[in-house]
Amino acid sequence: MEQSELVRRSAGNFAIFMACAFLLWIWAAIIDRIAQVVRLSAPGHLTGVATSIASSSTLQAIISIWLLTAAVAIAFPMIWRPLSMTTTLMFDVGYGILGALTGFGLAIGLFGGEWRIFLWAALYSVAIAVGYALVRWWLPLSEMRTFGGRRFILAGILVLASPIILLWG
């Protein structure tokens, strides 16, 4: 699969999931407001949902898994071929989830909640995109076939960063 196709598909997944999550949050807010009027919901229910989303470690888990998978693929390029479909699927799903969390965060921030979810989801999304571009620049696909030191240095950095982000991200 060509890199530009992967980037376009991941960006498309991100945008679609972000828009759907944004609309879902607005729809949920409308239903929650109606439920409050007929006393089927408490006033703080939607705020509780937002707090639950914000305290979730979903973002850290996604980033950690991406980093570790990238490290394995960089350190052992002979398994890149079997990992390529899995990695492509992981990027598609992962960017979709990041898009959804960004959409939720945007809706929560716009409608009186905190901006933390939006900021972290956007920050992680940009960091992954920039990181991917830097890896492609610093370690071109042609060099993946050699046993140069750059490959192992980069894999080592990613292996160390993965649990740190999971634990303290």
C-alpha atoms as a PDB file:
ATOM      1  CA  MET A   1       0.000   0.000   0.000  1.00  0.00           C
ATOM      2  CA  GLU A   2       1.321   3.409  -0.925  1.00  0.00           C
ATOM      3  CA  GLN A   3       2.087   5.809   1.930  1.00  0.00           C
ATOM      4  CA  SER A   4      -0.122   8.609   0.588  1.00  0.00           C
ATOM      5  CA  GLU A   5      -3.068   6.206   0.389  1.00  0.00           C
ATOM      6  CA  LEU A   6      -2.496   5.168   4.011  1.00  0.00           C
ATOM      7  CA  VAL A   7      -2.335   8.809   5.113  1.00  0.00           C
ATOM      8  CA  ARG A   8      -5.506   9.724   3.206  1.00  0.00           C
ATOM      9  CA  ARG A   9      -7.404   6.742   4.592  1.00  0.00           C
ATOM     10  CA  SER A  10      -6.279   7.405   8.173  1.00  0.00           C
ATOM     11  CA  ALA A  11      -7.167  11.099   7.868  1.00  0.00           C
ATOM     12  CA  GLY A  12     -10.550  10.172   6.434  1.00  0.00           C
ATOM     13  CA  ASN A  13     -11.226   7.740   9.281  1.00  0.00           C
ATOM     14  CA  PHE A  14     -10.221  10.396  11.792  1.00  0.00           C
ATOM     15  CA  ALA A  15     -12.537  13.024  10.272  1.00  0.00           C
ATOM     16  CA  ILE A  16     -15.515  10.673   9.924  1.00  0.00           C
ATOM     17  CA  PHE A  17     -15.254   9.344  13.474  1.00  0.00           C
ATOM     18  CA  MET A  18     -14.720  12.864  14.837  1.00  0.00           C
ATOM     19  CA  ALA A  19     -17.834  14.175  13.105  1.00  0.00           C
ATOM     20  CA  CYS A  20     -19.917  11.169  14.208  1.00  0.00           C
ATOM     21  CA  ALA A  21     -18.761  11.480  17.821  1.00  0.00           C
ATOM     22  CA  PHE A  22     -19.470  15.208  17.808  1.00  0.00           C
ATOM     23  CA  LEU A  23     -23.001  14.617  16.509  1.00  0.00           C
ATOM     24  CA  LEU A  24     -23.491  11.713  18.924  1.00  0.00           C
ATOM     25  CA  TRP A  25     -22.603  13.960  21.870  1.00  0.00           C
ATOM     26  CA  ILE A  26     -25.047  16.634  20.730  1.00  0.00           C
ATOM     27  CA  TRP A  27     -27.787  14.022  20.203  1.00  0.00           C
ATOM     28  CA  ALA A  28     -27.064  12.529  23.647  1.00  0.00           C
ATOM     29  CA  ALA A  29     -27.232  16.017  25.201  1.00  0.00           C
ATOM     30  CA  ILE A  30     -30.635  16.641  23.613  1.00  0.00           C
ATOM     31  CA  ILE A  31     -31.977  13.290  24.806  1.00  0.00           C
ATOM     32  CA  ASP A  32     -30.500  13.855  28.267  1.00  0.00           C
ATOM     33  CA  ARG A  33     -32.158  17.290  28.462  1.00  0.00           C
ATOM     34  CA  ILE A  34     -35.551  15.770  27.516  1.00  0.00           C
ATOM     35  CA  ALA A  35     -34.997  12.963  30.040  1.00  0.00           C
ATOM     36  CA  GLN A  36     -34.292  15.559  32.732  1.00  0.00           C
ATOM     37  CA  VAL A  37     -37.558  17.355  31.960  1.00  0.00           C
ATOM     38  CA  VAL A  38     -39.540  14.144  32.443  1.00  0.00           C
ATOM     39  CA  ARG A  39     -37.334  13.210  35.428  1.00  0.00           C
ATOM     40  CA  LEU A  40     -35.693  10.169  33.866  1.00  0.00           C
ATOM     41  CA  SER A  41     -32.189  11.612  34.170  1.00  0.00           C
ATOM     42  CA  ALA A  42     -30.289  13.548  36.783  1.00  0.00           C
ATOM     43  CA  PRO A  43     -28.824  16.965  35.879  1.00  0.00           C
ATOM     44  CA  GLY A  44     -25.240  15.765  36.321  1.00  0.00           C
ATOM     45  CA  HIS A  45     -25.565  12.587  34.240  1.00  0.00           C
ATOM     46  CA  LEU A  46     -24.000  13.921  31.030  1.00  0.00           C
ATOM     47  CA  THR A  47     -21.244  15.588  33.048  1.00  0.00           C
ATOM     48  CA  GLY A  48     -20.530  12.187  34.617  1.00  0.00           C
ATOM     49  CA  VAL A  49     -20.219  10.644  31.175  1.00  0.00           C
ATOM     50  CA  ALA A  50     -17.783  13.396  30.140  1.00  0.00           C
ATOM     51  CA  THR A  51     -15.726  12.825  33.284  1.00  0.00           C
ATOM     52  CA  SER A  52     -15.624   9.105  32.562  1.00  0.00           C
ATOM     53  CA  ILE A  53     -14.376   9.702  29.025  1.00  0.00           C
ATOM     54  CA  ALA A  54     -11.757  12.177  30.271  1.00  0.00           C
ATOM     55  CA  SER A  55     -10.390   9.832  32.933  1.00  0.00           C
ATOM     56  CA  SER A  56     -10.147   6.910  30.526  1.00  0.00           C
ATOM     57  CA  SER A  57      -6.705   5.635  29.612  1.00  0.00           C
ATOM     58  CA  THR A  58      -7.820   4.762  26.070  1.00  0.00           C
ATOM     59  CA  LEU A  59      -5.545   7.360  24.496  1.00  0.00           C
ATOM     60  CA  GLN A  60      -2.490   6.183  26.379  1.00  0.00           C
ATOM     61  CA  ALA A  61      -3.198   2.546  25.526  1.00  0.00           C
ATOM     62  CA  ILE A  62      -3.583   3.286  21.800  1.00  0.00           C
ATOM     63  CA  ILE A  63      -0.351   5.270  21.665  1.00  0.00           C
ATOM     64  CA  SER A  64       1.566   2.657  23.676  1.00  0.00           C
ATOM     65  CA  ILE A  65       0.439  -0.193  21.431  1.00  0.00           C
ATOM     66  CA  TRP A  66       1.316   1.793  18.305  1.00  0.00           C
ATOM     67  CA  LEU A  67       4.794   2.562  19.626  1.00  0.00           C
ATOM     68  CA  LEU A  68       5.554  -1.028  20.597  1.00  0.00           C
ATOM     69  CA  THR A  69       4.266  -2.418  17.284  1.00  0.00           C
ATOM     70  CA  ALA A  70       6.310   0.146  15.381  1.00  0.00           C
ATOM     71  CA  ALA A  71       9.412  -0.797  17.402  1.00  0.00           C
ATOM     72  CA  VAL A  72       8.959  -4.496  16.609  1.00  0.00           C
ATOM     73  CA  ALA A  73       8.437  -3.787  12.902  1.00  0.00           C
ATOM     74  CA  ILE A  74      11.497  -1.499  12.795  1.00  0.00           C
ATOM     75  CA  ALA A  75      13.770  -3.881  14.720  1.00  0.00           C
ATOM     76  CA  PHE A  76      12.670  -6.990  12.803  1.00  0.00           C
ATOM     77  CA  PRO A  77      11.802  -5.954   9.240  1.00  0.00           C
ATOM     78  CA  MET A  78      11.448  -9.599   8.149  1.00  0.00           C
ATOM     79  CA  ILE A  79       8.153  -9.699  10.052  1.00  0.00           C
ATOM     80  CA  TRP A  80       7.042  -6.374   8.571  1.00  0.00           C
ATOM     81  CA  ARG A  81       5.179  -8.118   5.741  1.00  0.00           C
ATOM     82  CA  PRO A  82       2.880 -10.137   8.055  1.00  0.00           C
ATOM     83  CA  LEU A  83       2.513  -7.103  10.329  1.00  0.00           C
ATOM     84  CA  SER A  84       1.737  -4.691   7.496  1.00  0.00           C
ATOM     85  CA  MET A  85      -1.976  -5.571   7.243  1.00  0.00           C
ATOM     86  CA  THR A  86      -2.355  -5.639  11.023  1.00  0.00           C
ATOM     87  CA  THR A  87      -0.503  -2.346  11.359  1.00  0.00           C
ATOM     88  CA  THR A  88      -2.619  -0.751   8.628  1.00  0.00           C
ATOM     89  CA  LEU A  89      -5.793  -1.926  10.335  1.00  0.00           C
ATOM     90  CA  MET A  90      -4.474  -0.725  13.703  1.00  0.00           C
ATOM     91  CA  PHE A  91      -3.742   2.735  12.283  1.00  0.00           C
ATOM     92  CA  ASP A  92      -7.184   2.898  10.663  1.00  0.00           C
ATOM     93  CA  VAL A  93      -9.008   1.864  13.831  1.00  0.00           C
ATOM     94  CA  GLY A  94      -6.698   3.848  16.089  1.00  0.00           C
ATOM     95  CA  TYR A  95      -7.081   7.065  14.129  1.00  0.00           C
ATOM     96  CA  GLY A  96     -10.820   6.442  14.071  1.00  0.00           C
ATOM     97  CA  ILE A  97     -10.836   6.166  17.863  1.00  0.00           C
ATOM     98  CA  LEU A  98      -8.653   9.260  18.225  1.00  0.00           C
ATOM     99  CA  GLY A  99     -11.017  11.061  15.869  1.00  0.00           C
ATOM    100  CA  ALA A 100     -14.003   9.972  17.956  1.00  0.00           C
ATOM    101  CA  LEU A 101     -12.351  11.136  21.181  1.00  0.00           C
ATOM    102  CA  THR A 102     -11.450  14.435  19.499  1.00  0.00           C
ATOM    103  CA  GLY A 103     -15.075  14.854  18.398  1.00  0.00           C
ATOM    104  CA  PHE A 104     -16.366  14.084  21.886  1.00  0.00           C
ATOM    105  CA  GLY A 105     -13.795  16.472  23.349  1.00  0.00           C
ATOM    106  CA  LEU A 106     -14.780  19.238  20.958  1.00  0.00           C
ATOM    107  CA  ALA A 107     -18.472  18.830  21.756  1.00  0.00           C
ATOM    108  CA  ILE A 108     -17.826  18.645  25.502  1.00  0.00           C
ATOM    109  CA  GLY A 109     -15.629  21.752  25.372  1.00  0.00           C
ATOM    110  CA  LEU A 110     -18.034  23.749  23.228  1.00  0.00           C
ATOM    111  CA  PHE A 111     -21.032  22.967  25.394  1.00  0.00           C
ATOM    112  CA  GLY A 112     -19.684  23.949  28.777  1.00  0.00           C
ATOM    113  CA  GLY A 113     -17.398  21.108  29.744  1.00  0.00           C
ATOM    114  CA  GLU A 114     -13.672  21.021  30.016  1.00  0.00           C
ATOM    115  CA  TRP A 115     -11.327  20.995  27.029  1.00  0.00           C
ATOM    116  CA  ARG A 116      -8.965  18.337  28.372  1.00  0.00           C
ATOM    117  CA  ILE A 117     -10.267  15.443  26.227  1.00  0.00           C
ATOM    118  CA  PHE A 118     -10.091  17.508  23.052  1.00  0.00           C
ATOM    119  CA  LEU A 119      -6.608  18.831  23.785  1.00  0.00           C
ATOM    120  CA  TRP A 120      -5.120  15.416  24.605  1.00  0.00           C
ATOM    121  CA  ALA A 121      -6.763  13.678  21.633  1.00  0.00           C
ATOM    122  CA  ALA A 122      -5.639  16.446  19.265  1.00  0.00           C
ATOM    123  CA  LEU A 123      -2.129  16.476  20.769  1.00  0.00           C
ATOM    124  CA  TYR A 124      -1.738  12.701  20.428  1.00  0.00           C
ATOM    125  CA  SER A 125      -3.098  12.788  16.860  1.00  0.00           C
ATOM    126  CA  VAL A 126      -0.641  15.481  15.802  1.00  0.00           C
ATOM    127  CA  ALA A 127       2.227  13.760  17.650  1.00  0.00           C
ATOM    128  CA  ILE A 128       1.548  10.492  15.834  1.00  0.00           C
ATOM    129  CA  ALA A 129       1.341  12.170  12.435  1.00  0.00           C
ATOM    130  CA  VAL A 130       4.555  14.134  13.019  1.00  0.00           C
ATOM    131  CA  GLY A 131       6.273  11.084  14.513  1.00  0.00           C
ATOM    132  CA  TYR A 132       5.320   8.957  11.525  1.00  0.00           C
ATOM    133  CA  ALA A 133       6.666  11.594   9.124  1.00  0.00           C
ATOM    134  CA  LEU A 134       9.927  11.853  11.108  1.00  0.00           C
ATOM    135  CA  VAL A 135      10.384   8.070  11.163  1.00  0.00           C
ATOM    136  CA  ARG A 136       9.814   7.924   7.389  1.00  0.00           C
ATOM    137  CA  TRP A 137      12.329  10.769   6.930  1.00  0.00           C
ATOM    138  CA  TRP A 138      14.965   9.404   9.328  1.00  0.00           C
ATOM    139  CA  LEU A 139      14.473   5.747   8.394  1.00  0.00           C
ATOM    140  CA  PRO A 140      13.317   5.402   4.775  1.00  0.00           C
ATOM    141  CA  LEU A 141      11.823   2.092   3.657  1.00  0.00           C
ATOM    142  CA  SER A 142      14.966   1.358   1.657  1.00  0.00           C
ATOM    143  CA  GLU A 143      16.998   1.416   4.883  1.00  0.00           C
ATOM    144  CA  MET A 144      14.589  -0.960   6.610  1.00  0.00           C
ATOM    145  CA  ARG A 145      16.199  -3.777   4.603  1.00  0.00           C
ATOM    146  CA  THR A 146      19.663  -3.073   6.014  1.00  0.00           C
ATOM    147  CA  PHE A 147      20.917  -3.721   9.509  1.00  0.00           C
ATOM    148  CA  GLY A 148      22.004  -0.146  10.221  1.00  0.00           C
ATOM    149  CA  GLY A 149      22.280   1.314  13.692  1.00  0.00           C
ATOM    150  CA  ARG A 150      19.531   3.893  13.113  1.00  0.00           C
ATOM    151  CA  ARG A 151      16.931   1.159  12.990  1.00  0.00           C
ATOM    152  CA  PHE A 152      17.874  -0.290  16.379  1.00  0.00           C
ATOM    153  CA  ILE A 153      18.263   3.122  18.025  1.00  0.00           C
ATOM    154  CA  LEU A 154      14.781   4.126  16.891  1.00  0.00           C
ATOM    155  CA  ALA A 155      13.279   0.769  17.919  1.00  0.00           C
ATOM    156  CA  GLY A 156      14.928   1.091  21.352  1.00  0.00           C
ATOM    157  CA  ILE A 157      13.531   4.588  21.865  1.00  0.00           C
ATOM    158  CA  LEU A 158      10.030   3.395  20.930  1.00  0.00           C
ATOM    159  CA  VAL A 159      10.270   0.330  23.208  1.00  0.00           C
ATOM    160  CA  LEU A 160      11.221   2.575  26.136  1.00  0.00           C
ATOM    161  CA  ALA A 161       8.561   5.195  25.358  1.00  0.00           C
ATOM    162  CA  SER A 162       5.698   2.695  25.052  1.00  0.00           C
ATOM    163  CA  PRO A 163       5.276   1.710  28.739  1.00  0.00           C
ATOM    164  CA  ILE A 164       6.103   5.228  29.929  1.00  0.00           C
ATOM    165  CA  ILE A 165       3.177   6.645  27.957  1.00  0.00           C
ATOM    166  CA  LEU A 166       0.893   3.836  29.127  1.00  0.00           C
ATOM    167  CA  LEU A 167       1.765   4.408  32.784  1.00  0.00           C
ATOM    168  CA  TRP A 168       2.175   8.171  32.952  1.00  0.00           C
ATOM    169  CA  GLY A 169       0.746   9.624  29.733  1.00  0.00           C
END
